[in-house]
Amino acid sequence: MGGGGGWPYGCGMRRVLLAVGWVLGLYLLTRAVVEPFIIDMGDPATYRNDWGGPSLVGVLAVHCGPGLIAGVLMTRAVLRRQSRLREATSGGRDDQVVRYRP
């Protein structure tokens, strides 16, 4: 049904969604890293009205939690892709050891 030389119809849409997902994940990860430096942890007035407030633990959970989850999922995706590429180049056999001889 889809043209494009044998590519599935949803391939372009999948790439767009993956790109949007990666951008969102990088945003959440960056926000999780930066958030503890933005708020003054010693002054509850700086985070009292934020989401997750008035406690510091709630604010950090709401602002940093999604970034941590995104980081784990993105790391998992990269490791799975590397594993698939390694499998494809080795013919699916990990028992072969390539030794370097100078």
PDB file of N, CA and C in Angstrom:
ATOM      1  N   MET A   1       0.807  -1.193   0.000  1.00  0.00           N
ATOM      2  CA  MET A   1       0.000   0.000   0.000  1.00  0.00           C
ATOM      3  C   MET A   1       0.852   1.258   0.000  1.00  0.00           C
ATOM      4  N   GLY A   2       1.913   1.230   0.809  1.00  0.00           N
ATOM      5  CA  GLY A   2       2.758   2.418   0.855  1.00  0.00           C
ATOM      6  C   GLY A   2       3.818   2.350  -0.221  1.00  0.00           C
ATOM      7  N   GLY A   3       4.112   3.483  -0.824  1.00  0.00           N
ATOM      8  CA  GLY A   3       5.150   3.525  -1.856  1.00  0.00           C
ATOM      9  C   GLY A   3       6.515   3.603  -1.208  1.00  0.00           C
ATOM     10  N   GLY A   4       7.471   4.085  -1.938  1.00  0.00           N
ATOM     11  CA  GLY A   4       8.777   4.306  -1.360  1.00  0.00           C
ATOM     12  C   GLY A   4       9.729   3.153  -1.511  1.00  0.00           C
ATOM     13  N   GLY A   5       9.528   2.312  -2.514  1.00  0.00           N
ATOM     14  CA  GLY A   5      10.506   1.274  -2.779  1.00  0.00           C
ATOM     15  C   GLY A   5      10.535   0.157  -1.757  1.00  0.00           C
ATOM     16  N   GLY A   6       9.385  -0.268  -1.286  1.00  0.00           N
ATOM     17  CA  GLY A   6       9.342  -1.398  -0.379  1.00  0.00           C
ATOM     18  C   GLY A   6       9.370  -1.048   1.095  1.00  0.00           C
ATOM     19  N   TRP A   7       9.461   0.228   1.434  1.00  0.00           N
ATOM     20  CA  TRP A   7       9.438   0.612   2.832  1.00  0.00           C
ATOM     21  C   TRP A   7       8.024   0.523   3.366  1.00  0.00           C
ATOM     22  N   PRO A   8       7.849   0.092   4.601  1.00  0.00           N
ATOM     23  CA  PRO A   8       6.503   0.033   5.181  1.00  0.00           C
ATOM     24  C   PRO A   8       5.910   1.437   5.289  1.00  0.00           C
ATOM     25  N   TYR A   9       4.604   1.504   5.278  1.00  0.00           N
ATOM     26  CA  TYR A   9       3.897   2.782   5.297  1.00  0.00           C
ATOM     27  C   TYR A   9       4.234   3.599   6.545  1.00  0.00           C
ATOM     28  N   GLY A  10       4.341   2.951   7.687  1.00  0.00           N
ATOM     29  CA  GLY A  10       4.537   3.671   8.939  1.00  0.00           C
ATOM     30  C   GLY A  10       5.975   3.993   9.271  1.00  0.00           C
ATOM     31  N   CYS A  11       6.909   3.695   8.418  1.00  0.00           N
ATOM     32  CA  CYS A  11       8.324   3.898   8.717  1.00  0.00           C
ATOM     33  C   CYS A  11       8.651   5.372   8.946  1.00  0.00           C
ATOM     34  N   GLY A  12       8.133   6.252   8.098  1.00  0.00           N
ATOM     35  CA  GLY A  12       8.400   7.681   8.260  1.00  0.00           C
ATOM     36  C   GLY A  12       7.807   8.236   9.535  1.00  0.00           C
ATOM     37  N   MET A  13       6.586   7.817   9.845  1.00  0.00           N
ATOM     38  CA  MET A  13       5.931   8.290  11.066  1.00  0.00           C
ATOM     39  C   MET A  13       6.671   7.767  12.299  1.00  0.00           C
ATOM     40  N   ARG A  14       7.152   6.548  12.231  1.00  0.00           N
ATOM     41  CA  ARG A  14       7.884   5.983  13.368  1.00  0.00           C
ATOM     42  C   ARG A  14       9.162   6.772  13.634  1.00  0.00           C
ATOM     43  N   ARG A  15       9.841   7.144  12.568  1.00  0.00           N
ATOM     44  CA  ARG A  15      11.068   7.936  12.731  1.00  0.00           C
ATOM     45  C   ARG A  15      10.776   9.296  13.339  1.00  0.00           C
ATOM     46  N   VAL A  16       9.681   9.903  12.908  1.00  0.00           N
ATOM     47  CA  VAL A  16       9.297  11.202  13.467  1.00  0.00           C
ATOM     48  C   VAL A  16       8.998  11.061  14.957  1.00  0.00           C
ATOM     49  N   LEU A  17       8.236  10.034  15.318  1.00  0.00           N
ATOM     50  CA  LEU A  17       7.898   9.825  16.739  1.00  0.00           C
ATOM     51  C   LEU A  17       9.133   9.506  17.568  1.00  0.00           C
ATOM     52  N   LEU A  18      10.046   8.731  17.010  1.00  0.00           N
ATOM     53  CA  LEU A  18      11.289   8.439  17.734  1.00  0.00           C
ATOM     54  C   LEU A  18      12.110   9.710  17.952  1.00  0.00           C
ATOM     55  N   ALA A  19      12.175  10.559  16.940  1.00  0.00           N
ATOM     56  CA  ALA A  19      12.922  11.814  17.073  1.00  0.00           C
ATOM     57  C   ALA A  19      12.292  12.704  18.135  1.00  0.00           C
ATOM     58  N   VAL A  20      10.969  12.813  18.117  1.00  0.00           N
ATOM     59  CA  VAL A  20      10.271  13.614  19.127  1.00  0.00           C
ATOM     60  C   VAL A  20      10.492  13.019  20.523  1.00  0.00           C
ATOM     61  N   GLY A  21      10.452  11.703  20.615  1.00  0.00           N
ATOM     62  CA  GLY A  21      10.694  11.039  21.895  1.00  0.00           C
ATOM     63  C   GLY A  21      12.091  11.291  22.433  1.00  0.00           C
ATOM     64  N   TRP A  22      13.082  11.253  21.549  1.00  0.00           N
ATOM     65  CA  TRP A  22      14.457  11.512  21.969  1.00  0.00           C
ATOM     66  C   TRP A  22      14.640  12.963  22.411  1.00  0.00           C
ATOM     67  N   VAL A  23      14.029  13.887  21.689  1.00  0.00           N
ATOM     68  CA  VAL A  23      14.134  15.300  22.075  1.00  0.00           C
ATOM     69  C   VAL A  23      13.471  15.517  23.436  1.00  0.00           C
ATOM     70  N   LEU A  24      12.289  14.950  23.635  1.00  0.00           N
ATOM     71  CA  LEU A  24      11.601  15.071  24.924  1.00  0.00           C
ATOM     72  C   LEU A  24      12.427  14.421  26.033  1.00  0.00           C
ATOM     73  N   GLY A  25      12.989  13.244  25.754  1.00  0.00           N
ATOM     74  CA  GLY A  25      13.815  12.561  26.749  1.00  0.00           C
ATOM     75  C   GLY A  25      15.045  13.357  27.130  1.00  0.00           C
ATOM     76  N   LEU A  26      15.699  13.968  26.141  1.00  0.00           N
ATOM     77  CA  LEU A  26      16.872  14.797  26.433  1.00  0.00           C
ATOM     78  C   LEU A  26      16.489  16.030  27.249  1.00  0.00           C
ATOM     79  N   TYR A  27      15.318  16.608  26.944  1.00  0.00           N
ATOM     80  CA  TYR A  27      14.835  17.747  27.731  1.00  0.00           C
ATOM     81  C   TYR A  27      14.610  17.333  29.185  1.00  0.00           C
ATOM     82  N   LEU A  28      13.922  16.216  29.389  1.00  0.00           N
ATOM     83  CA  LEU A  28      13.646  15.764  30.760  1.00  0.00           C
ATOM     84  C   LEU A  28      14.929  15.421  31.495  1.00  0.00           C
ATOM     85  N   LEU A  29      15.868  14.814  30.798  1.00  0.00           N
ATOM     86  CA  LEU A  29      17.150  14.461  31.418  1.00  0.00           C
ATOM     87  C   LEU A  29      17.931  15.714  31.798  1.00  0.00           C
ATOM     88  N   THR A  30      17.951  16.697  30.914  1.00  0.00           N
ATOM     89  CA  THR A  30      18.630  17.957  31.216  1.00  0.00           C
ATOM     90  C   THR A  30      17.974  18.663  32.393  1.00  0.00           C
ATOM     91  N   ARG A  31      16.659  18.658  32.413  1.00  0.00           N
ATOM     92  CA  ARG A  31      15.938  19.294  33.520  1.00  0.00           C
ATOM     93  C   ARG A  31      16.238  18.592  34.844  1.00  0.00           C
ATOM     94  N   ALA A  32      16.345  17.266  34.816  1.00  0.00           N
ATOM     95  CA  ALA A  32      16.654  16.521  36.040  1.00  0.00           C
ATOM     96  C   ALA A  32      18.043  16.857  36.559  1.00  0.00           C
ATOM     97  N   VAL A  33      18.981  17.085  35.664  1.00  0.00           N
ATOM     98  CA  VAL A  33      20.348  17.416  36.079  1.00  0.00           C
ATOM     99  C   VAL A  33      20.418  18.845  36.617  1.00  0.00           C
ATOM    100  N   VAL A  34      19.704  19.760  35.987  1.00  0.00           N
ATOM    101  CA  VAL A  34      19.804  21.182  36.320  1.00  0.00           C
ATOM    102  C   VAL A  34      18.952  21.564  37.535  1.00  0.00           C
ATOM    103  N   GLU A  35      17.834  20.902  37.736  1.00  0.00           N
ATOM    104  CA  GLU A  35      16.870  21.293  38.775  1.00  0.00           C
ATOM    105  C   GLU A  35      17.477  21.458  40.175  1.00  0.00           C
ATOM    106  N   PRO A  36      18.310  20.536  40.650  1.00  0.00           N
ATOM    107  CA  PRO A  36      18.867  20.732  41.998  1.00  0.00           C
ATOM    108  C   PRO A  36      19.732  21.992  42.134  1.00  0.00           C
ATOM    109  N   PHE A  37      20.276  22.480  41.020  1.00  0.00           N
ATOM    110  CA  PHE A  37      21.100  23.685  41.075  1.00  0.00           C
ATOM    111  C   PHE A  37      20.269  24.960  40.955  1.00  0.00           C
ATOM    112  N   ILE A  38      19.056  24.837  40.428  1.00  0.00           N
ATOM    113  CA  ILE A  38      18.201  26.003  40.246  1.00  0.00           C
ATOM    114  C   ILE A  38      17.525  26.400  41.557  1.00  0.00           C
ATOM    115  N   ILE A  39      17.037  25.412  42.292  1.00  0.00           N
ATOM    116  CA  ILE A  39      16.330  25.724  43.536  1.00  0.00           C
ATOM    117  C   ILE A  39      17.330  25.830  44.684  1.00  0.00           C
ATOM    118  N   ASP A  40      16.983  26.639  45.655  1.00  0.00           N
ATOM    119  CA  ASP A  40      17.801  26.761  46.858  1.00  0.00           C
ATOM    120  C   ASP A  40      17.256  25.760  47.867  1.00  0.00           C
ATOM    121  N   MET A  41      17.964  24.652  48.038  1.00  0.00           N
ATOM    122  CA  MET A  41      17.466  23.579  48.892  1.00  0.00           C
ATOM    123  C   MET A  41      17.371  23.971  50.352  1.00  0.00           C
ATOM    124  N   GLY A  42      18.079  24.998  50.739  1.00  0.00           N
ATOM    125  CA  GLY A  42      18.029  25.445  52.126  1.00  0.00           C
ATOM    126  C   GLY A  42      16.889  26.407  52.414  1.00  0.00           C
ATOM    127  N   ASP A  43      16.236  26.921  51.383  1.00  0.00           N
ATOM    128  CA  ASP A  43      15.161  27.893  51.561  1.00  0.00           C
ATOM    129  C   ASP A  43      13.868  27.334  50.974  1.00  0.00           C
ATOM    130  N   PRO A  44      12.963  26.828  51.822  1.00  0.00           N
ATOM    131  CA  PRO A  44      11.719  26.243  51.321  1.00  0.00           C
ATOM    132  C   PRO A  44      10.842  27.219  50.542  1.00  0.00           C
ATOM    133  N   ALA A  45      11.043  28.496  50.707  1.00  0.00           N
ATOM    134  CA  ALA A  45      10.235  29.473  49.982  1.00  0.00           C
ATOM    135  C   ALA A  45      10.501  29.414  48.479  1.00  0.00           C
ATOM    136  N   THR A  46      11.662  28.915  48.057  1.00  0.00           N
ATOM    137  CA  THR A  46      11.989  28.874  46.631  1.00  0.00           C
ATOM    138  C   THR A  46      11.278  27.733  45.910  1.00  0.00           C
ATOM    139  N   TYR A  47      10.826  26.712  46.646  1.00  0.00           N
ATOM    140  CA  TYR A  47      10.169  25.585  45.986  1.00  0.00           C
ATOM    141  C   TYR A  47       8.814  25.241  46.592  1.00  0.00           C
ATOM    142  N   ARG A  48       8.334  26.034  47.511  1.00  0.00           N
ATOM    143  CA  ARG A  48       7.069  25.754  48.196  1.00  0.00           C
ATOM    144  C   ARG A  48       5.890  25.667  47.224  1.00  0.00           C
ATOM    145  N   ASN A  49       5.830  26.549  46.230  1.00  0.00           N
ATOM    146  CA  ASN A  49       4.698  26.589  45.306  1.00  0.00           C
ATOM    147  C   ASN A  49       4.938  25.805  44.018  1.00  0.00           C
ATOM    148  N   ASP A  50       6.062  25.124  43.906  1.00  0.00           N
ATOM    149  CA  ASP A  50       6.338  24.307  42.725  1.00  0.00           C
ATOM    150  C   ASP A  50       5.522  23.019  42.776  1.00  0.00           C
ATOM    151  N   TRP A  51       5.403  22.348  41.635  1.00  0.00           N
ATOM    152  CA  TRP A  51       4.752  21.042  41.620  1.00  0.00           C
ATOM    153  C   TRP A  51       5.520  20.105  42.524  1.00  0.00           C
ATOM    154  N   GLY A  52       4.791  19.353  43.325  1.00  0.00           N
ATOM    155  CA  GLY A  52       5.415  18.425  44.259  1.00  0.00           C
ATOM    156  C   GLY A  52       5.687  19.046  45.608  1.00  0.00           C
ATOM    157  N   GLY A  53       5.549  20.379  45.713  1.00  0.00           N
ATOM    158  CA  GLY A  53       5.802  21.075  46.965  1.00  0.00           C
ATOM    159  C   GLY A  53       4.691  20.839  47.955  1.00  0.00           C
ATOM    160  N   PRO A  54       4.862  21.201  49.150  1.00  0.00           N
ATOM    161  CA  PRO A  54       5.893  22.062  49.708  1.00  0.00           C
ATOM    162  C   PRO A  54       7.155  21.331  50.177  1.00  0.00           C
ATOM    163  N   SER A  55       7.203  20.008  50.068  1.00  0.00           N
ATOM    164  CA  SER A  55       8.394  19.306  50.551  1.00  0.00           C
ATOM    165  C   SER A  55       9.454  19.223  49.444  1.00  0.00           C
ATOM    166  N   LEU A  56      10.710  19.230  49.845  1.00  0.00           N
ATOM    167  CA  LEU A  56      11.823  19.138  48.901  1.00  0.00           C
ATOM    168  C   LEU A  56      11.820  17.796  48.178  1.00  0.00           C
ATOM    169  N   VAL A  57      11.503  16.729  48.912  1.00  0.00           N
ATOM    170  CA  VAL A  57      11.478  15.397  48.307  1.00  0.00           C
ATOM    171  C   VAL A  57      10.434  15.338  47.197  1.00  0.00           C
ATOM    172  N   GLY A  58       9.265  15.916  47.436  1.00  0.00           N
ATOM    173  CA  GLY A  58       8.215  15.927  46.418  1.00  0.00           C
ATOM    174  C   GLY A  58       8.613  16.718  45.196  1.00  0.00           C
ATOM    175  N   VAL A  59       9.229  17.874  45.403  1.00  0.00           N
ATOM    176  CA  VAL A  59       9.655  18.709  44.279  1.00  0.00           C
ATOM    177  C   VAL A  59      10.710  17.980  43.446  1.00  0.00           C
ATOM    178  N   LEU A  60      11.682  17.369  44.094  1.00  0.00           N
ATOM    179  CA  LEU A  60      12.721  16.648  43.357  1.00  0.00           C
ATOM    180  C   LEU A  60      12.150  15.425  42.653  1.00  0.00           C
ATOM    181  N   ALA A  61      11.187  14.745  43.275  1.00  0.00           N
ATOM    182  CA  ALA A  61      10.576  13.580  42.635  1.00  0.00           C
ATOM    183  C   ALA A  61       9.817  13.978  41.376  1.00  0.00           C
ATOM    184  N   VAL A  62       9.073  15.075  41.454  1.00  0.00           N
ATOM    185  CA  VAL A  62       8.274  15.512  40.307  1.00  0.00           C
ATOM    186  C   VAL A  62       9.150  16.075  39.198  1.00  0.00           C
ATOM    187  N   HIS A  63      10.181  16.805  39.554  1.00  0.00           N
ATOM    188  CA  HIS A  63      10.997  17.473  38.543  1.00  0.00           C
ATOM    189  C   HIS A  63      12.146  16.602  38.029  1.00  0.00           C
ATOM    190  N   CYS A  64      12.668  15.707  38.851  1.00  0.00           N
ATOM    191  CA  CYS A  64      13.811  14.887  38.446  1.00  0.00           C
ATOM    192  C   CYS A  64      13.419  13.452  38.095  1.00  0.00           C
ATOM    193  N   GLY A  65      12.321  12.967  38.627  1.00  0.00           N
ATOM    194  CA  GLY A  65      11.883  11.590  38.378  1.00  0.00           C
ATOM    195  C   GLY A  65      11.696  11.263  36.903  1.00  0.00           C
ATOM    196  N   PRO A  66      10.938  12.070  36.160  1.00  0.00           N
ATOM    197  CA  PRO A  66      10.772  11.770  34.734  1.00  0.00           C
ATOM    198  C   PRO A  66      12.097  11.780  33.961  1.00  0.00           C
ATOM    199  N   GLY A  67      13.028  12.627  34.356  1.00  0.00           N
ATOM    200  CA  GLY A  67      14.332  12.656  33.706  1.00  0.00           C
ATOM    201  C   GLY A  67      15.131  11.396  33.972  1.00  0.00           C
ATOM    202  N   LEU A  68      15.040  10.888  35.189  1.00  0.00           N
ATOM    203  CA  LEU A  68      15.726   9.640  35.510  1.00  0.00           C
ATOM    204  C   LEU A  68      15.139   8.476  34.727  1.00  0.00           C
ATOM    205  N   ILE A  69      13.820   8.442  34.634  1.00  0.00           N
ATOM    206  CA  ILE A  69      13.165   7.387  33.858  1.00  0.00           C
ATOM    207  C   ILE A  69      13.552   7.500  32.385  1.00  0.00           C
ATOM    208  N   ALA A  70      13.557   8.715  31.859  1.00  0.00           N
ATOM    209  CA  ALA A  70      13.945   8.923  30.462  1.00  0.00           C
ATOM    210  C   ALA A  70      15.388   8.487  30.236  1.00  0.00           C
ATOM    211  N   GLY A  71      16.273   8.793  31.173  1.00  0.00           N
ATOM    212  CA  GLY A  71      17.664   8.394  31.048  1.00  0.00           C
ATOM    213  C   GLY A  71      17.835   6.886  31.017  1.00  0.00           C
ATOM    214  N   VAL A  72      17.092   6.192  31.865  1.00  0.00           N
ATOM    215  CA  VAL A  72      17.156   4.731  31.887  1.00  0.00           C
ATOM    216  C   VAL A  72      16.637   4.150  30.576  1.00  0.00           C
ATOM    217  N   LEU A  73      15.501   4.661  30.099  1.00  0.00           N
ATOM    218  CA  LEU A  73      14.931   4.147  28.851  1.00  0.00           C
ATOM    219  C   LEU A  73      15.826   4.438  27.650  1.00  0.00           C
ATOM    220  N   MET A  74      16.428   5.624  27.625  1.00  0.00           N
ATOM    221  CA  MET A  74      17.308   5.972  26.505  1.00  0.00           C
ATOM    222  C   MET A  74      18.582   5.127  26.535  1.00  0.00           C
ATOM    223  N   THR A  75      19.126   4.894  27.711  1.00  0.00           N
ATOM    224  CA  THR A  75      20.311   4.038  27.838  1.00  0.00           C
ATOM    225  C   THR A  75      19.985   2.622  27.392  1.00  0.00           C
ATOM    226  N   ARG A  76      18.827   2.131  27.798  1.00  0.00           N
ATOM    227  CA  ARG A  76      18.398   0.792  27.398  1.00  0.00           C
ATOM    228  C   ARG A  76      18.257   0.694  25.882  1.00  0.00           C
ATOM    229  N   ALA A  77      17.693   1.723  25.263  1.00  0.00           N
ATOM    230  CA  ALA A  77      17.511   1.711  23.811  1.00  0.00           C
ATOM    231  C   ALA A  77      18.857   1.706  23.092  1.00  0.00           C
ATOM    232  N   VAL A  78      19.807   2.495  23.576  1.00  0.00           N
ATOM    233  CA  VAL A  78      21.134   2.540  22.948  1.00  0.00           C
ATOM    234  C   VAL A  78      21.839   1.200  23.099  1.00  0.00           C
ATOM    235  N   LEU A  79      21.766   0.598  24.283  1.00  0.00           N
ATOM    236  CA  LEU A  79      22.421  -0.690  24.505  1.00  0.00           C
ATOM    237  C   LEU A  79      21.793  -1.791  23.658  1.00  0.00           C
ATOM    238  N   ARG A  80      20.468  -1.766  23.514  1.00  0.00           N
ATOM    239  CA  ARG A  80      19.799  -2.761  22.672  1.00  0.00           C
ATOM    240  C   ARG A  80      20.216  -2.592  21.218  1.00  0.00           C
ATOM    241  N   ARG A  81      20.321  -1.352  20.764  1.00  0.00           N
ATOM    242  CA  ARG A  81      20.722  -1.109  19.371  1.00  0.00           C
ATOM    243  C   ARG A  81      22.152  -1.583  19.136  1.00  0.00           C
ATOM    244  N   GLN A  82      23.039  -1.302  20.085  1.00  0.00           N
ATOM    245  CA  GLN A  82      24.426  -1.760  19.944  1.00  0.00           C
ATOM    246  C   GLN A  82      24.490  -3.275  19.918  1.00  0.00           C
ATOM    247  N   SER A  83      23.676  -3.914  20.744  1.00  0.00           N
ATOM    248  CA  SER A  83      23.644  -5.370  20.785  1.00  0.00           C
ATOM    249  C   SER A  83      23.166  -5.942  19.454  1.00  0.00           C
ATOM    250  N   ARG A  84      22.122  -5.324  18.888  1.00  0.00           N
ATOM    251  CA  ARG A  84      21.609  -5.785  17.591  1.00  0.00           C
ATOM    252  C   ARG A  84      22.639  -5.590  16.482  1.00  0.00           C
ATOM    253  N   LEU A  85      23.323  -4.459  16.493  1.00  0.00           N
ATOM    254  CA  LEU A  85      24.340  -4.205  15.470  1.00  0.00           C
ATOM    255  C   LEU A  85      25.500  -5.179  15.607  1.00  0.00           C
ATOM    256  N   ARG A  86      25.905  -5.451  16.833  1.00  0.00           N
ATOM    257  CA  ARG A  86      26.994  -6.397  17.062  1.00  0.00           C
ATOM    258  C   ARG A  86      26.587  -7.786  16.599  1.00  0.00           C
ATOM    259  N   GLU A  87      25.333  -8.159  16.870  1.00  0.00           N
ATOM    260  CA  GLU A  87      24.837  -9.462  16.450  1.00  0.00           C
ATOM    261  C   GLU A  87      24.785  -9.570  14.931  1.00  0.00           C
ATOM    262  N   ALA A  88      24.368  -8.493  14.283  1.00  0.00           N
ATOM    263  CA  ALA A  88      24.256  -8.503  12.828  1.00  0.00           C
ATOM    264  C   ALA A  88      25.622  -8.595  12.156  1.00  0.00           C
ATOM    265  N   THR A  89      26.623  -7.965  12.721  1.00  0.00           N
ATOM    266  CA  THR A  89      27.945  -7.993  12.101  1.00  0.00           C
ATOM    267  C   THR A  89      28.706  -9.273  12.416  1.00  0.00           C
ATOM    268  N   SER A  90      28.360  -9.948  13.502  1.00  0.00           N
ATOM    269  CA  SER A  90      29.073 -11.184  13.841  1.00  0.00           C
ATOM    270  C   SER A  90      28.331 -12.419  13.343  1.00  0.00           C
ATOM    271  N   GLY A  91      27.230 -12.233  12.675  1.00  0.00           N
ATOM    272  CA  GLY A  91      26.477 -13.381  12.174  1.00  0.00           C
ATOM    273  C   GLY A  91      25.657 -14.056  13.246  1.00  0.00           C
ATOM    274  N   GLY A  92      25.443 -13.368  14.372  1.00  0.00           N
ATOM    275  CA  GLY A  92      24.618 -13.933  15.439  1.00  0.00           C
ATOM    276  C   GLY A  92      25.376 -14.853  16.373  1.00  0.00           C
ATOM    277  N   ARG A  93      26.672 -15.012  16.162  1.00  0.00           N
ATOM    278  CA  ARG A  93      27.452 -15.904  17.020  1.00  0.00           C
ATOM    279  C   ARG A  93      28.413 -15.081  17.867  1.00  0.00           C
ATOM    280  N   ASP A  94      28.235 -15.135  19.165  1.00  0.00           N
ATOM    281  CA  ASP A  94      29.110 -14.415  20.078  1.00  0.00           C
ATOM    282  C   ASP A  94      30.264 -15.290  20.562  1.00  0.00           C
ATOM    283  N   ASP A  95      30.270 -16.578  20.160  1.00  0.00           N
ATOM    284  CA  ASP A  95      31.310 -17.465  20.654  1.00  0.00           C
ATOM    285  C   ASP A  95      32.622 -17.312  19.886  1.00  0.00           C
ATOM    286  N   GLN A  96      32.611 -16.572  18.794  1.00  0.00           N
ATOM    287  CA  GLN A  96      33.834 -16.369  18.044  1.00  0.00           C
ATOM    288  C   GLN A  96      34.633 -15.241  18.682  1.00  0.00           C
ATOM    289  N   VAL A  97      35.862 -15.528  18.983  1.00  0.00           N
ATOM    290  CA  VAL A  97      36.733 -14.525  19.582  1.00  0.00           C
ATOM    291  C   VAL A  97      37.746 -14.092  18.526  1.00  0.00           C
ATOM    292  N   VAL A  98      37.799 -12.822  18.280  1.00  0.00           N
ATOM    293  CA  VAL A  98      38.746 -12.292  17.311  1.00  0.00           C
ATOM    294  C   VAL A  98      39.933 -11.771  18.092  1.00  0.00           C
ATOM    295  N   ARG A  99      41.077 -12.329  17.826  1.00  0.00           N
ATOM    296  CA  ARG A  99      42.281 -11.911  18.552  1.00  0.00           C
ATOM    297  C   ARG A  99      43.130 -11.020  17.668  1.00  0.00           C
ATOM    298  N   TYR A 100      43.698 -10.051  18.287  1.00  0.00           N
ATOM    299  CA  TYR A 100      44.544  -9.104  17.571  1.00  0.00           C
ATOM    300  C   TYR A 100      45.975  -9.595  17.613  1.00  0.00           C
ATOM    301  N   ARG A 101      46.582  -9.687  16.448  1.00  0.00           N
ATOM    302  CA  ARG A 101      47.981 -10.093  16.393  1.00  0.00           C
ATOM    303  C   ARG A 101      48.775  -8.950  15.772  1.00  0.00           C
ATOM    304  N   PRO A 102      49.702  -8.398  16.519  1.00  0.00           N
ATOM    305  CA  PRO A 102      50.504  -7.280  15.980  1.00  0.00           C
ATOM    306  C   PRO A 102      51.508  -7.717  14.936  1.00  0.00           C
TER     307      PRO A 102
END
